[in-house]
Amino acid sequence: LFDRFPEMTLTVEPDELEPMPTFIMN
């Protein structure tokens, strides 16, 4: 993945990513 797209970027700040609605999975 990173060989093919070495310069890809997140479109939001990491802490703005929406967590899954669970305490079981992360």
mmCIF file of all heavy atoms, coordinates in Angstrom:
data_MODEL
# 
_entry.id   MODEL 
# 
loop_
_atom_site.group_PDB 
_atom_site.id 
_atom_site.type_symbol 
_atom_site.label_atom_id 
_atom_site.label_alt_id 
_atom_site.label_comp_id 
_atom_site.label_asym_id 
_atom_site.label_entity_id 
_atom_site.label_seq_id 
_atom_site.pdbx_PDB_ins_code 
_atom_site.Cartn_x 
_atom_site.Cartn_y 
_atom_site.Cartn_z 
_atom_site.occupancy 
_atom_site.B_iso_or_equiv 
_atom_site.pdbx_formal_charge 
_atom_site.auth_seq_id 
_atom_site.auth_comp_id 
_atom_site.auth_asym_id 
_atom_site.auth_atom_id 
_atom_site.pdbx_PDB_model_num 
ATOM 1   N N   . LEU A 1 1  ? 0.823   -1.208 0.000  1.00 0.00 ? 1  LEU A N   1 
ATOM 2   C CA  . LEU A 1 1  ? 0.000   0.000  0.000  1.00 0.00 ? 1  LEU A CA  1 
ATOM 3   C C   . LEU A 1 1  ? 0.857   1.258  0.000  1.00 0.00 ? 1  LEU A C   1 
ATOM 4   O O   . LEU A 1 1  ? 0.637   2.182  -0.807 1.00 0.00 ? 1  LEU A O   1 
ATOM 5   C CB  . LEU A 1 1  ? -0.924  -0.006 1.224  1.00 0.00 ? 1  LEU A CB  1 
ATOM 6   C CG  . LEU A 1 1  ? -1.841  1.216  1.380  1.00 0.00 ? 1  LEU A CG  1 
ATOM 7   C CD1 . LEU A 1 1  ? -2.914  1.218  0.302  1.00 0.00 ? 1  LEU A CD1 1 
ATOM 8   C CD2 . LEU A 1 1  ? -2.479  1.233  2.768  1.00 0.00 ? 1  LEU A CD2 1 
ATOM 9   N N   . PHE A 1 2  ? 1.861   1.302  0.890  1.00 0.00 ? 2  PHE A N   1 
ATOM 10  C CA  . PHE A 1 2  ? 2.674   2.512  0.982  1.00 0.00 ? 2  PHE A CA  1 
ATOM 11  C C   . PHE A 1 2  ? 3.690   2.615  -0.154 1.00 0.00 ? 2  PHE A C   1 
ATOM 12  O O   . PHE A 1 2  ? 4.131   3.720  -0.479 1.00 0.00 ? 2  PHE A O   1 
ATOM 13  C CB  . PHE A 1 2  ? 3.346   2.594  2.354  1.00 0.00 ? 2  PHE A CB  1 
ATOM 14  C CG  . PHE A 1 2  ? 2.416   3.075  3.431  1.00 0.00 ? 2  PHE A CG  1 
ATOM 15  C CD1 . PHE A 1 2  ? 1.708   2.170  4.211  1.00 0.00 ? 2  PHE A CD1 1 
ATOM 16  C CD2 . PHE A 1 2  ? 2.228   4.429  3.647  1.00 0.00 ? 2  PHE A CD2 1 
ATOM 17  C CE1 . PHE A 1 2  ? 0.830   2.617  5.195  1.00 0.00 ? 2  PHE A CE1 1 
ATOM 18  C CE2 . PHE A 1 2  ? 1.357   4.890  4.622  1.00 0.00 ? 2  PHE A CE2 1 
ATOM 19  C CZ  . PHE A 1 2  ? 0.647   3.977  5.401  1.00 0.00 ? 2  PHE A CZ  1 
ATOM 20  N N   . ASP A 1 3  ? 4.050   1.508  -0.767 1.00 0.00 ? 3  ASP A N   1 
ATOM 21  C CA  . ASP A 1 3  ? 4.880   1.575  -1.973 1.00 0.00 ? 3  ASP A CA  1 
ATOM 22  C C   . ASP A 1 3  ? 4.101   2.247  -3.106 1.00 0.00 ? 3  ASP A C   1 
ATOM 23  O O   . ASP A 1 3  ? 4.653   3.026  -3.886 1.00 0.00 ? 3  ASP A O   1 
ATOM 24  C CB  . ASP A 1 3  ? 5.305   0.176  -2.413 1.00 0.00 ? 3  ASP A CB  1 
ATOM 25  C CG  . ASP A 1 3  ? 6.466   -0.368 -1.603 1.00 0.00 ? 3  ASP A CG  1 
ATOM 26  O OD1 . ASP A 1 3  ? 7.077   0.422  -0.847 1.00 0.00 ? 3  ASP A OD1 1 
ATOM 27  O OD2 . ASP A 1 3  ? 6.756   -1.570 -1.711 1.00 0.00 ? 3  ASP A OD2 1 
ATOM 28  N N   . ARG A 1 4  ? 2.806   1.935  -3.184 1.00 0.00 ? 4  ARG A N   1 
ATOM 29  C CA  . ARG A 1 4  ? 1.984   2.457  -4.293 1.00 0.00 ? 4  ARG A CA  1 
ATOM 30  C C   . ARG A 1 4  ? 1.525   3.893  -4.041 1.00 0.00 ? 4  ARG A C   1 
ATOM 31  O O   . ARG A 1 4  ? 1.389   4.681  -4.983 1.00 0.00 ? 4  ARG A O   1 
ATOM 32  C CB  . ARG A 1 4  ? 0.769   1.538  -4.484 1.00 0.00 ? 4  ARG A CB  1 
ATOM 33  C CG  . ARG A 1 4  ? 0.029   1.778  -5.798 1.00 0.00 ? 4  ARG A CG  1 
ATOM 34  C CD  . ARG A 1 4  ? 0.842   1.285  -6.983 1.00 0.00 ? 4  ARG A CD  1 
ATOM 35  N NE  . ARG A 1 4  ? 0.241   1.674  -8.244 1.00 0.00 ? 4  ARG A NE  1 
ATOM 36  C CZ  . ARG A 1 4  ? -0.756  1.015  -8.829 1.00 0.00 ? 4  ARG A CZ  1 
ATOM 37  N NH1 . ARG A 1 4  ? -1.251  -0.065 -8.258 1.00 0.00 ? 4  ARG A NH1 1 
ATOM 38  N NH2 . ARG A 1 4  ? -1.240  1.427  -9.985 1.00 0.00 ? 4  ARG A NH2 1 
ATOM 39  N N   . PHE A 1 5  ? 1.245   4.220  -2.774 1.00 0.00 ? 5  PHE A N   1 
ATOM 40  C CA  . PHE A 1 5  ? 0.750   5.561  -2.442 1.00 0.00 ? 5  PHE A CA  1 
ATOM 41  C C   . PHE A 1 5  ? 1.629   6.171  -1.346 1.00 0.00 ? 5  PHE A C   1 
ATOM 42  O O   . PHE A 1 5  ? 1.193   6.345  -0.204 1.00 0.00 ? 5  PHE A O   1 
ATOM 43  C CB  . PHE A 1 5  ? -0.704  5.497  -1.975 1.00 0.00 ? 5  PHE A CB  1 
ATOM 44  C CG  . PHE A 1 5  ? -1.638  4.836  -2.944 1.00 0.00 ? 5  PHE A CG  1 
ATOM 45  C CD1 . PHE A 1 5  ? -2.105  3.551  -2.714 1.00 0.00 ? 5  PHE A CD1 1 
ATOM 46  C CD2 . PHE A 1 5  ? -2.037  5.505  -4.094 1.00 0.00 ? 5  PHE A CD2 1 
ATOM 47  C CE1 . PHE A 1 5  ? -2.966  2.935  -3.606 1.00 0.00 ? 5  PHE A CE1 1 
ATOM 48  C CE2 . PHE A 1 5  ? -2.897  4.893  -5.001 1.00 0.00 ? 5  PHE A CE2 1 
ATOM 49  C CZ  . PHE A 1 5  ? -3.364  3.611  -4.765 1.00 0.00 ? 5  PHE A CZ  1 
ATOM 50  N N   . PRO A 1 6  ? 2.866   6.504  -1.658 1.00 0.00 ? 6  PRO A N   1 
ATOM 51  C CA  . PRO A 1 6  ? 3.814   6.937  -0.628 1.00 0.00 ? 6  PRO A CA  1 
ATOM 52  C C   . PRO A 1 6  ? 3.491   8.292  -0.020 1.00 0.00 ? 6  PRO A C   1 
ATOM 53  O O   . PRO A 1 6  ? 3.959   8.615  1.074  1.00 0.00 ? 6  PRO A O   1 
ATOM 54  C CB  . PRO A 1 6  ? 5.152   6.970  -1.369 1.00 0.00 ? 6  PRO A CB  1 
ATOM 55  C CG  . PRO A 1 6  ? 4.785   7.175  -2.804 1.00 0.00 ? 6  PRO A CG  1 
ATOM 56  C CD  . PRO A 1 6  ? 3.501   6.433  -2.995 1.00 0.00 ? 6  PRO A CD  1 
ATOM 57  N N   . GLU A 1 7  ? 2.692   9.109  -0.695 1.00 0.00 ? 7  GLU A N   1 
ATOM 58  C CA  . GLU A 1 7  ? 2.441   10.469 -0.211 1.00 0.00 ? 7  GLU A CA  1 
ATOM 59  C C   . GLU A 1 7  ? 0.993   10.688 0.217  1.00 0.00 ? 7  GLU A C   1 
ATOM 60  O O   . GLU A 1 7  ? 0.570   11.839 0.383  1.00 0.00 ? 7  GLU A O   1 
ATOM 61  C CB  . GLU A 1 7  ? 2.808   11.486 -1.306 1.00 0.00 ? 7  GLU A CB  1 
ATOM 62  C CG  . GLU A 1 7  ? 4.250   11.410 -1.765 1.00 0.00 ? 7  GLU A CG  1 
ATOM 63  C CD  . GLU A 1 7  ? 5.229   11.695 -0.636 1.00 0.00 ? 7  GLU A CD  1 
ATOM 64  O OE1 . GLU A 1 7  ? 4.888   12.490 0.260  1.00 0.00 ? 7  GLU A OE1 1 
ATOM 65  O OE2 . GLU A 1 7  ? 6.326   11.099 -0.639 1.00 0.00 ? 7  GLU A OE2 1 
ATOM 66  N N   . MET A 1 8  ? 0.203   9.640  0.402  1.00 0.00 ? 8  MET A N   1 
ATOM 67  C CA  . MET A 1 8  ? -1.188  9.840  0.812  1.00 0.00 ? 8  MET A CA  1 
ATOM 68  C C   . MET A 1 8  ? -1.240  10.449 2.218  1.00 0.00 ? 8  MET A C   1 
ATOM 69  O O   . MET A 1 8  ? -0.327  10.275 3.031  1.00 0.00 ? 8  MET A O   1 
ATOM 70  C CB  . MET A 1 8  ? -1.963  8.523  0.766  1.00 0.00 ? 8  MET A CB  1 
ATOM 71  C CG  . MET A 1 8  ? -1.506  7.460  1.719  1.00 0.00 ? 8  MET A CG  1 
ATOM 72  S SD  . MET A 1 8  ? -2.541  5.976  1.560  1.00 0.00 ? 8  MET A SD  1 
ATOM 73  C CE  . MET A 1 8  ? -1.587  4.811  2.535  1.00 0.00 ? 8  MET A CE  1 
ATOM 74  N N   . THR A 1 9  ? -2.321  11.189 2.478  1.00 0.00 ? 9  THR A N   1 
ATOM 75  C CA  . THR A 1 9  ? -2.456  11.879 3.750  1.00 0.00 ? 9  THR A CA  1 
ATOM 76  C C   . THR A 1 9  ? -3.869  11.711 4.299  1.00 0.00 ? 9  THR A C   1 
ATOM 77  O O   . THR A 1 9  ? -4.828  11.511 3.539  1.00 0.00 ? 9  THR A O   1 
ATOM 78  C CB  . THR A 1 9  ? -2.185  13.388 3.585  1.00 0.00 ? 9  THR A CB  1 
ATOM 79  O OG1 . THR A 1 9  ? -3.096  13.923 2.614  1.00 0.00 ? 9  THR A OG1 1 
ATOM 80  C CG2 . THR A 1 9  ? -0.749  13.648 3.151  1.00 0.00 ? 9  THR A CG2 1 
ATOM 81  N N   . LEU A 1 10 ? -3.992  11.795 5.617  1.00 0.00 ? 10 LEU A N   1 
ATOM 82  C CA  . LEU A 1 10 ? -5.308  11.838 6.239  1.00 0.00 ? 10 LEU A CA  1 
ATOM 83  C C   . LEU A 1 10 ? -5.988  13.152 5.882  1.00 0.00 ? 10 LEU A C   1 
ATOM 84  O O   . LEU A 1 10 ? -5.336  14.193 5.760  1.00 0.00 ? 10 LEU A O   1 
ATOM 85  C CB  . LEU A 1 10 ? -5.182  11.742 7.761  1.00 0.00 ? 10 LEU A CB  1 
ATOM 86  C CG  . LEU A 1 10 ? -4.875  10.376 8.369  1.00 0.00 ? 10 LEU A CG  1 
ATOM 87  C CD1 . LEU A 1 10 ? -4.562  10.529 9.858  1.00 0.00 ? 10 LEU A CD1 1 
ATOM 88  C CD2 . LEU A 1 10 ? -6.044  9.421  8.168  1.00 0.00 ? 10 LEU A CD2 1 
ATOM 89  N N   . THR A 1 11 ? -7.314  13.120 5.750  1.00 0.00 ? 11 THR A N   1 
ATOM 90  C CA  . THR A 1 11 ? -8.050  14.350 5.450  1.00 0.00 ? 11 THR A CA  1 
ATOM 91  C C   . THR A 1 11 ? -8.543  15.031 6.719  1.00 0.00 ? 11 THR A C   1 
ATOM 92  O O   . THR A 1 11 ? -9.110  16.129 6.644  1.00 0.00 ? 11 THR A O   1 
ATOM 93  C CB  . THR A 1 11 ? -9.261  14.046 4.546  1.00 0.00 ? 11 THR A CB  1 
ATOM 94  O OG1 . THR A 1 11 ? -10.152 13.167 5.239  1.00 0.00 ? 11 THR A OG1 1 
ATOM 95  C CG2 . THR A 1 11 ? -8.810  13.402 3.243  1.00 0.00 ? 11 THR A CG2 1 
ATOM 96  N N   . VAL A 1 12 ? -8.367  14.406 7.869  1.00 0.00 ? 12 VAL A N   1 
ATOM 97  C CA  . VAL A 1 12 ? -8.723  14.993 9.156  1.00 0.00 ? 12 VAL A CA  1 
ATOM 98  C C   . VAL A 1 12 ? -7.568  14.752 10.109 1.00 0.00 ? 12 VAL A C   1 
ATOM 99  O O   . VAL A 1 12 ? -6.677  13.931 9.838  1.00 0.00 ? 12 VAL A O   1 
ATOM 100 C CB  . VAL A 1 12 ? -10.019 14.378 9.741  1.00 0.00 ? 12 VAL A CB  1 
ATOM 101 C CG1 . VAL A 1 12 ? -11.196 14.645 8.809  1.00 0.00 ? 12 VAL A CG1 1 
ATOM 102 C CG2 . VAL A 1 12 ? -9.857  12.874 9.983  1.00 0.00 ? 12 VAL A CG2 1 
ATOM 103 N N   . GLU A 1 13 ? -7.581  15.438 11.243 1.00 0.00 ? 13 GLU A N   1 
ATOM 104 C CA  . GLU A 1 13 ? -6.599  15.166 12.276 1.00 0.00 ? 13 GLU A CA  1 
ATOM 105 C C   . GLU A 1 13 ? -6.876  13.792 12.878 1.00 0.00 ? 13 GLU A C   1 
ATOM 106 O O   . GLU A 1 13 ? -8.032  13.365 12.951 1.00 0.00 ? 13 GLU A O   1 
ATOM 107 C CB  . GLU A 1 13 ? -6.649  16.229 13.368 1.00 0.00 ? 13 GLU A CB  1 
ATOM 108 C CG  . GLU A 1 13 ? -6.214  17.606 12.913 1.00 0.00 ? 13 GLU A CG  1 
ATOM 109 C CD  . GLU A 1 13 ? -4.766  17.616 12.443 1.00 0.00 ? 13 GLU A CD  1 
ATOM 110 O OE1 . GLU A 1 13 ? -3.912  16.990 13.122 1.00 0.00 ? 13 GLU A OE1 1 
ATOM 111 O OE2 . GLU A 1 13 ? -4.487  18.231 11.394 1.00 0.00 ? 13 GLU A OE2 1 
ATOM 112 N N   . PRO A 1 14 ? -5.834  13.077 13.305 1.00 0.00 ? 14 PRO A N   1 
ATOM 113 C CA  . PRO A 1 14 ? -6.057  11.722 13.842 1.00 0.00 ? 14 PRO A CA  1 
ATOM 114 C C   . PRO A 1 14 ? -7.100  11.664 14.955 1.00 0.00 ? 14 PRO A C   1 
ATOM 115 O O   . PRO A 1 14 ? -7.904  10.728 15.006 1.00 0.00 ? 14 PRO A O   1 
ATOM 116 C CB  . PRO A 1 14 ? -4.667  11.326 14.353 1.00 0.00 ? 14 PRO A CB  1 
ATOM 117 C CG  . PRO A 1 14 ? -3.723  12.107 13.500 1.00 0.00 ? 14 PRO A CG  1 
ATOM 118 C CD  . PRO A 1 14 ? -4.405  13.413 13.234 1.00 0.00 ? 14 PRO A CD  1 
ATOM 119 N N   . ASP A 1 15 ? -7.132  12.675 15.839 1.00 0.00 ? 15 ASP A N   1 
ATOM 120 C CA  . ASP A 1 15 ? -8.093  12.639 16.938 1.00 0.00 ? 15 ASP A CA  1 
ATOM 121 C C   . ASP A 1 15 ? -9.506  13.006 16.502 1.00 0.00 ? 15 ASP A C   1 
ATOM 122 O O   . ASP A 1 15 ? -10.452 12.961 17.305 1.00 0.00 ? 15 ASP A O   1 
ATOM 123 C CB  . ASP A 1 15 ? -7.645  13.526 18.097 1.00 0.00 ? 15 ASP A CB  1 
ATOM 124 C CG  . ASP A 1 15 ? -7.467  14.994 17.697 1.00 0.00 ? 15 ASP A CG  1 
ATOM 125 O OD1 . ASP A 1 15 ? -7.775  15.335 16.535 1.00 0.00 ? 15 ASP A OD1 1 
ATOM 126 O OD2 . ASP A 1 15 ? -7.039  15.782 18.553 1.00 0.00 ? 15 ASP A OD2 1 
ATOM 127 N N   . GLU A 1 16 ? -9.677  13.366 15.215 1.00 0.00 ? 16 GLU A N   1 
ATOM 128 C CA  . GLU A 1 16 ? -11.008 13.647 14.688 1.00 0.00 ? 16 GLU A CA  1 
ATOM 129 C C   . GLU A 1 16 ? -11.635 12.417 14.035 1.00 0.00 ? 16 GLU A C   1 
ATOM 130 O O   . GLU A 1 16 ? -12.809 12.457 13.639 1.00 0.00 ? 16 GLU A O   1 
ATOM 131 C CB  . GLU A 1 16 ? -10.936 14.788 13.668 1.00 0.00 ? 16 GLU A CB  1 
ATOM 132 C CG  . GLU A 1 16 ? -10.554 16.125 14.284 1.00 0.00 ? 16 GLU A CG  1 
ATOM 133 C CD  . GLU A 1 16 ? -10.388 17.220 13.237 1.00 0.00 ? 16 GLU A CD  1 
ATOM 134 O OE1 . GLU A 1 16 ? -10.235 16.881 12.048 1.00 0.00 ? 16 GLU A OE1 1 
ATOM 135 O OE2 . GLU A 1 16 ? -10.411 18.389 13.614 1.00 0.00 ? 16 GLU A OE2 1 
ATOM 136 N N   . LEU A 1 17 ? -10.887 11.337 13.900 1.00 0.00 ? 17 LEU A N   1 
ATOM 137 C CA  . LEU A 1 17 ? -11.447 10.101 13.354 1.00 0.00 ? 17 LEU A CA  1 
ATOM 138 C C   . LEU A 1 17 ? -12.501 9.565  14.311 1.00 0.00 ? 17 LEU A C   1 
ATOM 139 O O   . LEU A 1 17 ? -12.301 9.527  15.526 1.00 0.00 ? 17 LEU A O   1 
ATOM 140 C CB  . LEU A 1 17 ? -10.343 9.064  13.138 1.00 0.00 ? 17 LEU A CB  1 
ATOM 141 C CG  . LEU A 1 17 ? -9.330  9.383  12.036 1.00 0.00 ? 17 LEU A CG  1 
ATOM 142 C CD1 . LEU A 1 17 ? -8.148  8.424  12.116 1.00 0.00 ? 17 LEU A CD1 1 
ATOM 143 C CD2 . LEU A 1 17 ? -9.981  9.311  10.669 1.00 0.00 ? 17 LEU A CD2 1 
ATOM 144 N N   . GLU A 1 18 ? -13.614 9.127  13.752 1.00 0.00 ? 18 GLU A N   1 
ATOM 145 C CA  . GLU A 1 18 ? -14.744 8.669  14.564 1.00 0.00 ? 18 GLU A CA  1 
ATOM 146 C C   . GLU A 1 18 ? -14.492 7.246  15.055 1.00 0.00 ? 18 GLU A C   1 
ATOM 147 O O   . GLU A 1 18 ? -14.273 6.336  14.256 1.00 0.00 ? 18 GLU A O   1 
ATOM 148 C CB  . GLU A 1 18 ? -16.018 8.696  13.723 1.00 0.00 ? 18 GLU A CB  1 
ATOM 149 C CG  . GLU A 1 18 ? -17.289 8.421  14.477 1.00 0.00 ? 18 GLU A CG  1 
ATOM 150 C CD  . GLU A 1 18 ? -17.806 9.629  15.230 1.00 0.00 ? 18 GLU A CD  1 
ATOM 151 O OE1 . GLU A 1 18 ? -17.237 10.731 15.053 1.00 0.00 ? 18 GLU A OE1 1 
ATOM 152 O OE2 . GLU A 1 18 ? -18.777 9.474  15.981 1.00 0.00 ? 18 GLU A OE2 1 
ATOM 153 N N   . PRO A 1 19 ? -14.518 7.017  16.382 1.00 0.00 ? 19 PRO A N   1 
ATOM 154 C CA  . PRO A 1 19 ? -14.286 5.655  16.874 1.00 0.00 ? 19 PRO A CA  1 
ATOM 155 C C   . PRO A 1 19 ? -15.477 4.744  16.582 1.00 0.00 ? 19 PRO A C   1 
ATOM 156 O O   . PRO A 1 19 ? -16.611 5.216  16.428 1.00 0.00 ? 19 PRO A O   1 
ATOM 157 C CB  . PRO A 1 19 ? -14.115 5.852  18.385 1.00 0.00 ? 19 PRO A CB  1 
ATOM 158 C CG  . PRO A 1 19 ? -14.909 7.080  18.692 1.00 0.00 ? 19 PRO A CG  1 
ATOM 159 C CD  . PRO A 1 19 ? -14.749 7.973  17.487 1.00 0.00 ? 19 PRO A CD  1 
ATOM 160 N N   . MET A 1 20 ? -15.211 3.465  16.499 1.00 0.00 ? 20 MET A N   1 
ATOM 161 C CA  . MET A 1 20 ? -16.299 2.496  16.402 1.00 0.00 ? 20 MET A CA  1 
ATOM 162 C C   . MET A 1 20 ? -17.124 2.556  17.685 1.00 0.00 ? 20 MET A C   1 
ATOM 163 O O   . MET A 1 20 ? -16.579 2.799  18.761 1.00 0.00 ? 20 MET A O   1 
ATOM 164 C CB  . MET A 1 20 ? -15.737 1.082  16.208 1.00 0.00 ? 20 MET A CB  1 
ATOM 165 C CG  . MET A 1 20 ? -15.001 0.872  14.915 1.00 0.00 ? 20 MET A CG  1 
ATOM 166 S SD  . MET A 1 20 ? -14.138 -0.737 14.875 1.00 0.00 ? 20 MET A SD  1 
ATOM 167 C CE  . MET A 1 20 ? -15.542 -1.865 14.968 1.00 0.00 ? 20 MET A CE  1 
ATOM 168 N N   . PRO A 1 21 ? -18.442 2.327  17.613 1.00 0.00 ? 21 PRO A N   1 
ATOM 169 C CA  . PRO A 1 21 ? -19.298 2.435  18.796 1.00 0.00 ? 21 PRO A CA  1 
ATOM 170 C C   . PRO A 1 21 ? -19.212 1.181  19.669 1.00 0.00 ? 21 PRO A C   1 
ATOM 171 O O   . PRO A 1 21 ? -20.143 0.379  19.750 1.00 0.00 ? 21 PRO A O   1 
ATOM 172 C CB  . PRO A 1 21 ? -20.695 2.604  18.198 1.00 0.00 ? 21 PRO A CB  1 
ATOM 173 C CG  . PRO A 1 21 ? -20.629 1.839  16.912 1.00 0.00 ? 21 PRO A CG  1 
ATOM 174 C CD  . PRO A 1 21 ? -19.224 2.035  16.391 1.00 0.00 ? 21 PRO A CD  1 
ATOM 175 N N   . THR A 1 22 ? -18.071 1.033  20.336 1.00 0.00 ? 22 THR A N   1 
ATOM 176 C CA  . THR A 1 22 ? -17.848 -0.209 21.067 1.00 0.00 ? 22 THR A CA  1 
ATOM 177 C C   . THR A 1 22 ? -16.728 -0.047 22.079 1.00 0.00 ? 22 THR A C   1 
ATOM 178 O O   . THR A 1 22 ? -15.813 0.757  21.872 1.00 0.00 ? 22 THR A O   1 
ATOM 179 C CB  . THR A 1 22 ? -17.485 -1.346 20.087 1.00 0.00 ? 22 THR A CB  1 
ATOM 180 O OG1 . THR A 1 22 ? -17.218 -2.543 20.818 1.00 0.00 ? 22 THR A OG1 1 
ATOM 181 C CG2 . THR A 1 22 ? -16.261 -0.997 19.254 1.00 0.00 ? 22 THR A CG2 1 
ATOM 182 N N   . PHE A 1 23 ? -16.784 -0.810 23.166 1.00 0.00 ? 23 PHE A N   1 
ATOM 183 C CA  . PHE A 1 23 ? -15.627 -0.937 24.049 1.00 0.00 ? 23 PHE A CA  1 
ATOM 184 C C   . PHE A 1 23 ? -14.947 -2.288 23.838 1.00 0.00 ? 23 PHE A C   1 
ATOM 185 O O   . PHE A 1 23 ? -13.959 -2.598 24.489 1.00 0.00 ? 23 PHE A O   1 
ATOM 186 C CB  . PHE A 1 23 ? -16.010 -0.763 25.528 1.00 0.00 ? 23 PHE A CB  1 
ATOM 187 C CG  . PHE A 1 23 ? -17.012 -1.753 26.062 1.00 0.00 ? 23 PHE A CG  1 
ATOM 188 C CD1 . PHE A 1 23 ? -16.664 -3.069 26.318 1.00 0.00 ? 23 PHE A CD1 1 
ATOM 189 C CD2 . PHE A 1 23 ? -18.314 -1.353 26.332 1.00 0.00 ? 23 PHE A CD2 1 
ATOM 190 C CE1 . PHE A 1 23 ? -17.589 -3.973 26.817 1.00 0.00 ? 23 PHE A CE1 1 
ATOM 191 C CE2 . PHE A 1 23 ? -19.239 -2.251 26.851 1.00 0.00 ? 23 PHE A CE2 1 
ATOM 192 C CZ  . PHE A 1 23 ? -18.873 -3.568 27.084 1.00 0.00 ? 23 PHE A CZ  1 
ATOM 193 N N   . ILE A 1 24 ? -15.458 -3.097 22.917 1.00 0.00 ? 24 ILE A N   1 
ATOM 194 C CA  . ILE A 1 24 ? -14.885 -4.420 22.642 1.00 0.00 ? 24 ILE A CA  1 
ATOM 195 C C   . ILE A 1 24 ? -13.764 -4.321 21.615 1.00 0.00 ? 24 ILE A C   1 
ATOM 196 O O   . ILE A 1 24 ? -12.686 -4.880 21.802 1.00 0.00 ? 24 ILE A O   1 
ATOM 197 C CB  . ILE A 1 24 ? -15.973 -5.395 22.161 1.00 0.00 ? 24 ILE A CB  1 
ATOM 198 C CG1 . ILE A 1 24 ? -17.016 -5.615 23.265 1.00 0.00 ? 24 ILE A CG1 1 
ATOM 199 C CG2 . ILE A 1 24 ? -15.363 -6.732 21.747 1.00 0.00 ? 24 ILE A CG2 1 
ATOM 200 C CD1 . ILE A 1 24 ? -18.207 -6.448 22.830 1.00 0.00 ? 24 ILE A CD1 1 
ATOM 201 N N   . MET A 1 25 ? -14.019 -3.627 20.522 1.00 0.00 ? 25 MET A N   1 
ATOM 202 C CA  . MET A 1 25 ? -13.036 -3.464 19.462 1.00 0.00 ? 25 MET A CA  1 
ATOM 203 C C   . MET A 1 25 ? -12.413 -2.070 19.522 1.00 0.00 ? 25 MET A C   1 
ATOM 204 O O   . MET A 1 25 ? -12.972 -1.154 20.121 1.00 0.00 ? 25 MET A O   1 
ATOM 205 C CB  . MET A 1 25 ? -13.681 -3.688 18.094 1.00 0.00 ? 25 MET A CB  1 
ATOM 206 C CG  . MET A 1 25 ? -14.191 -5.101 17.891 1.00 0.00 ? 25 MET A CG  1 
ATOM 207 S SD  . MET A 1 25 ? -12.848 -6.316 17.860 1.00 0.00 ? 25 MET A SD  1 
ATOM 208 C CE  . MET A 1 25 ? -13.796 -7.854 17.843 1.00 0.00 ? 25 MET A CE  1 
ATOM 209 N N   . ASN A 1 26 ? -11.273 -1.912 18.875 1.00 0.00 ? 26 ASN A N   1 
ATOM 210 C CA  . ASN A 1 26 ? -10.567 -0.632 18.859 1.00 0.00 ? 26 ASN A CA  1 
ATOM 211 C C   . ASN A 1 26 ? -10.235 -0.271 17.417 1.00 0.00 ? 26 ASN A C   1 
ATOM 212 O O   . ASN A 1 26 ? -9.285  -0.798 16.835 1.00 0.00 ? 26 ASN A O   1 
ATOM 213 C CB  . ASN A 1 26 ? -9.277  -0.718 19.689 1.00 0.00 ? 26 ASN A CB  1 
ATOM 214 C CG  . ASN A 1 26 ? -8.481  0.568  19.651 1.00 0.00 ? 26 ASN A CG  1 
ATOM 215 O OD1 . ASN A 1 26 ? -9.046  1.652  19.664 1.00 0.00 ? 26 ASN A OD1 1 
ATOM 216 N ND2 . ASN A 1 26 ? -7.161  0.446  19.593 1.00 0.00 ? 26 ASN A ND2 1 
# 
